[in-house]
Amino acid sequence: MKSLLIGLTGPIGAGKSTVAACWKELGAGLVEGDAMGRLALETDDHLRRALVSRFGNDVISSTGEIIRANLANVAFQSADNQRDLTRITFPALYTLARREMTGLKASHGVVVFDAALIYEWDIAGDFDKIVVVTAPRSILVRNSAGRLRITHEEAEERLDRQLPVVEKTSRADIVISNDGSLEELAAKAVDVWKLLNN
């Protein structure tokens, strides 16, 4: 079976997870970047050591587990820290993701990789189509602050450190604009699913 490989991306708080969940219900094989990141942190001793070496002992617990909230806090303190976090974690994360995607291709006509940093990781070329979910800035800030349990000011800073939304949308094959209700976003996701499966 030849599977269509979709990269689903966009800024934090845009509604990617809603679109991904909708597509999974419709039959897509789904790989979530966040889940792969968590799995890498749990299973890769070398990765954990590299993170502690770069960011200090505050990011690891007494039992040897990475404290993700502490890691995120220090990583988003500067652009250099964020770059280093990506440089250290991406290879392990993407190795797991590729393995998962390969497995899903055997049983799914569409396989989706849901990750906020597809362009930043320079992997857009690995996918048949890139779909970007975006939303007005006020929605991005509100959603990401709520989901990540950070202040609106911190959410603004994190958004500012990502690739500008206009650049992501200009490079996308398809753009889904989340500017209404969740039901409207789900309806748009269904429309795009039909388009992808034509």
Foldseek 3Di string as FASTA:
>chain_A
DAAAEEEEAAAALLCSVLLQVLVVVVFAAEDELVVLLQVLQVPPPVLLVQLCVPQHPVQADPVGGGNVLVLVVSLLPDLVSVVVNCVSRVVSSVVVVVVSQVVVRVPGNYYYYYDHCCVVVVPCVVGPFYEYGGEPPVSNLVRNCVVSVHDSVSSVSRRVSGDDRVVVVVPGPHYQYDYDDSVVSSVVSVVVVVVVVD
